[in-house]
Amino acid sequence: MYWVRKAPSRFTLYARNPKHNVVIGGDNVVPAPAYGCPTITDADGTKRDGTILDYVNIAKLFHANDDYHTNGGLLVQPNDIDIPTSCLAMFYAVLTHTDKALLVSTGKAEYMQAMIDAAAEVFGGHEALKAYPRMLTIMNINSPLQLDVIMSEVLLTLAKNGQPFVAANC
């Protein structure tokens, strides 16, 4: 709890377009896209695996919706690409299809670092990214309050680069 108390009670997540900056914490409610959909249901009722094209189309829908100032995350799992590296494809898709604050999916530490390096290129360098955090992710914490190796590495990578995360108890 010592370390938990060191976290700010609120912070700003910065977007490419400043009108979409969001304050996380305090009394603020920040609507975010649904997370973790494994399938798509087509207009005729047929269920199928999600694809990267589905991901892009959903990201475009959230971009067009003025009720949301965040975009990205695991909008749908794109099963037509390699699952372990799909976080990179989803990051690229949302980075290139929205100017809202970025939600990102997690992956191995080297994938998270690649996303951070790409964001630093877009947003003025690593120090600017630390000063104005632009990426938020969800960290799955297993009961009883344990992180697996990948989540531990992701946490350390994000912390080193000044990017926030949500701790989700699974």
C-alpha atoms as a PDB file:
ATOM      1  CA  MET A   1       0.000   0.000   0.000  1.00  0.00           C
ATOM      2  CA  TYR A   2       3.017   2.265   0.437  1.00  0.00           C
ATOM      3  CA  TRP A   3       3.534   2.294  -3.351  1.00  0.00           C
ATOM      4  CA  VAL A   4      -0.175   2.596  -4.090  1.00  0.00           C
ATOM      5  CA  ARG A   5      -0.301   5.804  -2.023  1.00  0.00           C
ATOM      6  CA  LYS A   6       2.489   7.259  -4.178  1.00  0.00           C
ATOM      7  CA  ALA A   7       0.268   7.139  -7.276  1.00  0.00           C
ATOM      8  CA  PRO A   8      -1.460  10.426  -8.132  1.00  0.00           C
ATOM      9  CA  SER A   9      -5.176  10.615  -7.402  1.00  0.00           C
ATOM     10  CA  ARG A  10      -5.624  11.822 -10.971  1.00  0.00           C
ATOM     11  CA  PHE A  11      -3.619  12.575 -14.089  1.00  0.00           C
ATOM     12  CA  THR A  12      -4.128  13.712 -17.655  1.00  0.00           C
ATOM     13  CA  LEU A  13      -3.893  11.312 -20.571  1.00  0.00           C
ATOM     14  CA  TYR A  14      -2.959  13.436 -23.571  1.00  0.00           C
ATOM     15  CA  ALA A  15      -4.348  12.978 -27.066  1.00  0.00           C
ATOM     16  CA  ARG A  16      -2.946  14.055 -30.407  1.00  0.00           C
ATOM     17  CA  ASN A  17      -5.887  16.467 -30.567  1.00  0.00           C
ATOM     18  CA  PRO A  18      -5.975  18.405 -27.254  1.00  0.00           C
ATOM     19  CA  LYS A  19      -9.790  18.528 -27.269  1.00  0.00           C
ATOM     20  CA  HIS A  20      -9.621  14.792 -26.501  1.00  0.00           C
ATOM     21  CA  ASN A  21      -7.264  15.038 -23.499  1.00  0.00           C
ATOM     22  CA  VAL A  22      -8.858  13.219 -20.561  1.00  0.00           C
ATOM     23  CA  VAL A  23      -8.385  13.441 -16.825  1.00  0.00           C
ATOM     24  CA  ILE A  24      -8.264   9.996 -15.256  1.00  0.00           C
ATOM     25  CA  GLY A  25      -9.231   9.799 -11.578  1.00  0.00           C
ATOM     26  CA  GLY A  26     -11.008  12.039  -9.129  1.00  0.00           C
ATOM     27  CA  ASP A  27     -14.723  12.271  -9.902  1.00  0.00           C
ATOM     28  CA  ASN A  28     -14.190  11.987 -13.662  1.00  0.00           C
ATOM     29  CA  VAL A  29     -15.920   9.306 -15.687  1.00  0.00           C
ATOM     30  CA  VAL A  30     -14.106   8.483 -18.901  1.00  0.00           C
ATOM     31  CA  PRO A  31     -16.071   6.287 -21.316  1.00  0.00           C
ATOM     32  CA  ALA A  32     -13.834   3.784 -23.077  1.00  0.00           C
ATOM     33  CA  PRO A  33     -14.431   1.229 -25.820  1.00  0.00           C
ATOM     34  CA  ALA A  34     -15.403  -2.297 -24.794  1.00  0.00           C
ATOM     35  CA  TYR A  35     -12.435  -4.581 -24.274  1.00  0.00           C
ATOM     36  CA  GLY A  36     -11.644  -8.124 -25.283  1.00  0.00           C
ATOM     37  CA  CYS A  37     -14.228  -9.131 -27.883  1.00  0.00           C
ATOM     38  CA  PRO A  38     -13.070 -12.404 -29.491  1.00  0.00           C
ATOM     39  CA  THR A  39     -15.646 -12.494 -32.297  1.00  0.00           C
ATOM     40  CA  ILE A  40     -17.707 -10.337 -34.643  1.00  0.00           C
ATOM     41  CA  THR A  41     -21.386 -10.839 -35.385  1.00  0.00           C
ATOM     42  CA  ASP A  42     -22.214  -9.841 -38.951  1.00  0.00           C
ATOM     43  CA  ALA A  43     -25.490  -8.158 -39.938  1.00  0.00           C
ATOM     44  CA  ASP A  44     -26.987 -11.535 -40.891  1.00  0.00           C
ATOM     45  CA  GLY A  45     -26.269 -12.927 -37.394  1.00  0.00           C
ATOM     46  CA  THR A  46     -23.250 -14.995 -38.408  1.00  0.00           C
ATOM     47  CA  LYS A  47     -20.514 -15.099 -35.758  1.00  0.00           C
ATOM     48  CA  ARG A  48     -16.918 -15.220 -36.912  1.00  0.00           C
ATOM     49  CA  ASP A  49     -13.403 -14.521 -35.701  1.00  0.00           C
ATOM     50  CA  GLY A  50     -12.400 -10.866 -35.704  1.00  0.00           C
ATOM     51  CA  THR A  51      -9.847  -9.559 -38.203  1.00  0.00           C
ATOM     52  CA  ILE A  52      -7.516  -6.572 -38.313  1.00  0.00           C
ATOM     53  CA  LEU A  53      -9.903  -4.947 -40.804  1.00  0.00           C
ATOM     54  CA  ASP A  54     -12.692  -5.318 -38.205  1.00  0.00           C
ATOM     55  CA  TYR A  55     -10.378  -3.715 -35.656  1.00  0.00           C
ATOM     56  CA  VAL A  56      -9.700  -0.739 -37.944  1.00  0.00           C
ATOM     57  CA  ASN A  57     -13.409  -0.307 -38.715  1.00  0.00           C
ATOM     58  CA  ILE A  58     -14.321  -0.363 -35.009  1.00  0.00           C
ATOM     59  CA  ALA A  59     -11.536   2.124 -34.237  1.00  0.00           C
ATOM     60  CA  LYS A  60     -12.983   4.415 -36.923  1.00  0.00           C
ATOM     61  CA  LEU A  61     -16.437   4.147 -35.311  1.00  0.00           C
ATOM     62  CA  PHE A  62     -15.053   5.143 -31.908  1.00  0.00           C
ATOM     63  CA  HIS A  63     -13.112   7.963 -33.520  1.00  0.00           C
ATOM     64  CA  ALA A  64     -16.337   9.326 -35.032  1.00  0.00           C
ATOM     65  CA  ASN A  65     -18.250   9.122 -31.726  1.00  0.00           C
ATOM     66  CA  ASP A  66     -17.950  12.398 -29.804  1.00  0.00           C
ATOM     67  CA  ASP A  67     -18.903  10.665 -26.531  1.00  0.00           C
ATOM     68  CA  TYR A  68     -15.498   8.959 -26.471  1.00  0.00           C
ATOM     69  CA  HIS A  69     -12.183  10.740 -26.004  1.00  0.00           C
ATOM     70  CA  THR A  70     -10.215   7.486 -25.901  1.00  0.00           C
ATOM     71  CA  ASN A  71      -9.749   4.885 -28.607  1.00  0.00           C
ATOM     72  CA  GLY A  72      -8.040   1.547 -28.977  1.00  0.00           C
ATOM     73  CA  GLY A  73      -7.242  -1.332 -26.706  1.00  0.00           C
ATOM     74  CA  LEU A  74      -8.523  -4.769 -27.555  1.00  0.00           C
ATOM     75  CA  LEU A  75     -11.583  -3.654 -29.543  1.00  0.00           C
ATOM     76  CA  VAL A  76     -11.704  -7.096 -31.149  1.00  0.00           C
ATOM     77  CA  GLN A  77      -9.003  -9.753 -31.296  1.00  0.00           C
ATOM     78  CA  PRO A  78      -7.677  -9.772 -34.877  1.00  0.00           C
ATOM     79  CA  ASN A  79      -7.324 -13.509 -35.390  1.00  0.00           C
ATOM     80  CA  ASP A  80      -5.982 -13.176 -38.922  1.00  0.00           C
ATOM     81  CA  ILE A  81      -2.584 -12.079 -37.640  1.00  0.00           C
ATOM     82  CA  ASP A  82      -0.101 -13.641 -35.227  1.00  0.00           C
ATOM     83  CA  ILE A  83      -1.736 -13.374 -31.774  1.00  0.00           C
ATOM     84  CA  PRO A  84       1.470 -12.686 -29.764  1.00  0.00           C
ATOM     85  CA  THR A  85       2.361  -9.701 -31.988  1.00  0.00           C
ATOM     86  CA  SER A  86      -1.215  -8.530 -32.596  1.00  0.00           C
ATOM     87  CA  CYS A  87      -0.727  -5.795 -29.983  1.00  0.00           C
ATOM     88  CA  LEU A  88       1.647  -4.096 -32.422  1.00  0.00           C
ATOM     89  CA  ALA A  89      -0.841  -4.230 -35.300  1.00  0.00           C
ATOM     90  CA  MET A  90      -3.637  -2.904 -33.080  1.00  0.00           C
ATOM     91  CA  PHE A  91      -1.403  -0.084 -31.836  1.00  0.00           C
ATOM     92  CA  TYR A  92      -0.470   0.914 -35.381  1.00  0.00           C
ATOM     93  CA  ALA A  93      -4.112   0.786 -36.469  1.00  0.00           C
ATOM     94  CA  VAL A  94      -5.337   3.048 -33.678  1.00  0.00           C
ATOM     95  CA  LEU A  95      -2.328   5.375 -33.912  1.00  0.00           C
ATOM     96  CA  THR A  96      -3.075   5.967 -37.599  1.00  0.00           C
ATOM     97  CA  HIS A  97      -6.880   6.154 -37.353  1.00  0.00           C
ATOM     98  CA  THR A  98      -7.577   8.457 -34.417  1.00  0.00           C
ATOM     99  CA  ASP A  99      -6.437  11.643 -32.730  1.00  0.00           C
ATOM    100  CA  LYS A 100      -7.947  10.635 -29.383  1.00  0.00           C
ATOM    101  CA  ALA A 101      -6.118   9.438 -26.257  1.00  0.00           C
ATOM    102  CA  LEU A 102      -4.675   5.975 -26.887  1.00  0.00           C
ATOM    103  CA  LEU A 103      -5.623   2.742 -25.190  1.00  0.00           C
ATOM    104  CA  VAL A 104      -3.147  -0.010 -26.017  1.00  0.00           C
ATOM    105  CA  SER A 105      -3.092  -3.768 -25.638  1.00  0.00           C
ATOM    106  CA  THR A 106      -0.267  -5.466 -23.810  1.00  0.00           C
ATOM    107  CA  GLY A 107       2.303  -7.905 -25.089  1.00  0.00           C
ATOM    108  CA  LYS A 108       5.853  -8.866 -24.309  1.00  0.00           C
ATOM    109  CA  ALA A 109       8.122  -6.137 -22.963  1.00  0.00           C
ATOM    110  CA  GLU A 110       9.888  -5.726 -26.310  1.00  0.00           C
ATOM    111  CA  TYR A 111       6.522  -5.125 -28.021  1.00  0.00           C
ATOM    112  CA  MET A 112       5.549  -2.550 -25.390  1.00  0.00           C
ATOM    113  CA  GLN A 113       8.908  -0.838 -25.852  1.00  0.00           C
ATOM    114  CA  ALA A 114       8.381  -0.803 -29.638  1.00  0.00           C
ATOM    115  CA  MET A 115       4.995   0.900 -29.109  1.00  0.00           C
ATOM    116  CA  ILE A 116       6.568   3.425 -26.744  1.00  0.00           C
ATOM    117  CA  ASP A 117       9.384   4.120 -29.217  1.00  0.00           C
ATOM    118  CA  ALA A 118       6.866   4.653 -32.038  1.00  0.00           C
ATOM    119  CA  ALA A 119       4.738   6.947 -29.861  1.00  0.00           C
ATOM    120  CA  ALA A 120       7.866   8.895 -28.918  1.00  0.00           C
ATOM    121  CA  GLU A 121       8.587   9.458 -32.615  1.00  0.00           C
ATOM    122  CA  VAL A 122       5.056  10.775 -33.168  1.00  0.00           C
ATOM    123  CA  PHE A 123       4.786  12.858 -29.988  1.00  0.00           C
ATOM    124  CA  GLY A 124       8.154  14.621 -29.757  1.00  0.00           C
ATOM    125  CA  GLY A 125      10.544  12.143 -28.160  1.00  0.00           C
ATOM    126  CA  HIS A 126      10.821  10.002 -25.053  1.00  0.00           C
ATOM    127  CA  GLU A 127      11.059  12.904 -22.608  1.00  0.00           C
ATOM    128  CA  ALA A 128       7.942  14.529 -24.109  1.00  0.00           C
ATOM    129  CA  LEU A 129       6.125  11.193 -23.842  1.00  0.00           C
ATOM    130  CA  LYS A 130       7.073  10.965 -20.155  1.00  0.00           C
ATOM    131  CA  ALA A 131       5.962  14.544 -19.508  1.00  0.00           C
ATOM    132  CA  TYR A 132       2.673  14.090 -21.398  1.00  0.00           C
ATOM    133  CA  PRO A 133       1.562  10.436 -21.114  1.00  0.00           C
ATOM    134  CA  ARG A 134      -0.390   9.302 -24.165  1.00  0.00           C
ATOM    135  CA  MET A 135      -0.866   5.546 -23.738  1.00  0.00           C
ATOM    136  CA  LEU A 136      -2.992   3.717 -21.190  1.00  0.00           C
ATOM    137  CA  THR A 137      -3.300  -0.035 -20.851  1.00  0.00           C
ATOM    138  CA  ILE A 138      -4.937  -2.620 -18.625  1.00  0.00           C
ATOM    139  CA  MET A 139      -2.707  -4.868 -16.521  1.00  0.00           C
ATOM    140  CA  ASN A 140      -4.231  -8.176 -15.477  1.00  0.00           C
ATOM    141  CA  ILE A 141      -3.404  -8.961 -11.875  1.00  0.00           C
ATOM    142  CA  ASN A 142      -4.014 -12.528 -10.790  1.00  0.00           C
ATOM    143  CA  SER A 143      -5.411 -13.431  -7.399  1.00  0.00           C
ATOM    144  CA  PRO A 144      -3.950 -13.078  -4.812  1.00  0.00           C
ATOM    145  CA  LEU A 145      -2.395  -9.827  -6.138  1.00  0.00           C
ATOM    146  CA  GLN A 146       0.253 -11.433  -8.319  1.00  0.00           C
ATOM    147  CA  LEU A 147       1.624 -10.486 -11.722  1.00  0.00           C
ATOM    148  CA  ASP A 148       2.850 -13.048 -14.218  1.00  0.00           C
ATOM    149  CA  VAL A 149       6.214 -12.527 -15.910  1.00  0.00           C
ATOM    150  CA  ILE A 150       4.818 -10.745 -18.988  1.00  0.00           C
ATOM    151  CA  MET A 151       2.685  -8.350 -16.935  1.00  0.00           C
ATOM    152  CA  SER A 152       5.626  -7.655 -14.600  1.00  0.00           C
ATOM    153  CA  GLU A 153       7.823  -6.778 -17.573  1.00  0.00           C
ATOM    154  CA  VAL A 154       5.047  -4.634 -19.081  1.00  0.00           C
ATOM    155  CA  LEU A 155       4.602  -2.765 -15.793  1.00  0.00           C
ATOM    156  CA  LEU A 156       8.334  -2.038 -15.552  1.00  0.00           C
ATOM    157  CA  THR A 157       8.493  -0.930 -19.196  1.00  0.00           C
ATOM    158  CA  LEU A 158       5.528   1.415 -18.794  1.00  0.00           C
ATOM    159  CA  ALA A 159       6.822   2.823 -15.499  1.00  0.00           C
ATOM    160  CA  LYS A 160      10.291   3.447 -16.959  1.00  0.00           C
ATOM    161  CA  ASN A 161       8.634   5.381 -19.786  1.00  0.00           C
ATOM    162  CA  GLY A 162       6.109   7.310 -17.689  1.00  0.00           C
ATOM    163  CA  GLN A 163       3.002   5.661 -19.138  1.00  0.00           C
ATOM    164  CA  PRO A 164       0.038   4.828 -16.862  1.00  0.00           C
ATOM    165  CA  PHE A 165      -1.928   1.610 -16.524  1.00  0.00           C
ATOM    166  CA  VAL A 166      -5.116   0.303 -14.974  1.00  0.00           C
ATOM    167  CA  ALA A 167      -4.707  -2.612 -12.582  1.00  0.00           C
ATOM    168  CA  ALA A 168      -7.510  -5.088 -13.263  1.00  0.00           C
ATOM    169  CA  ASN A 169      -8.022  -7.877 -10.752  1.00  0.00           C
ATOM    170  CA  CYS A 170      -8.787 -11.140 -12.557  1.00  0.00           C
END
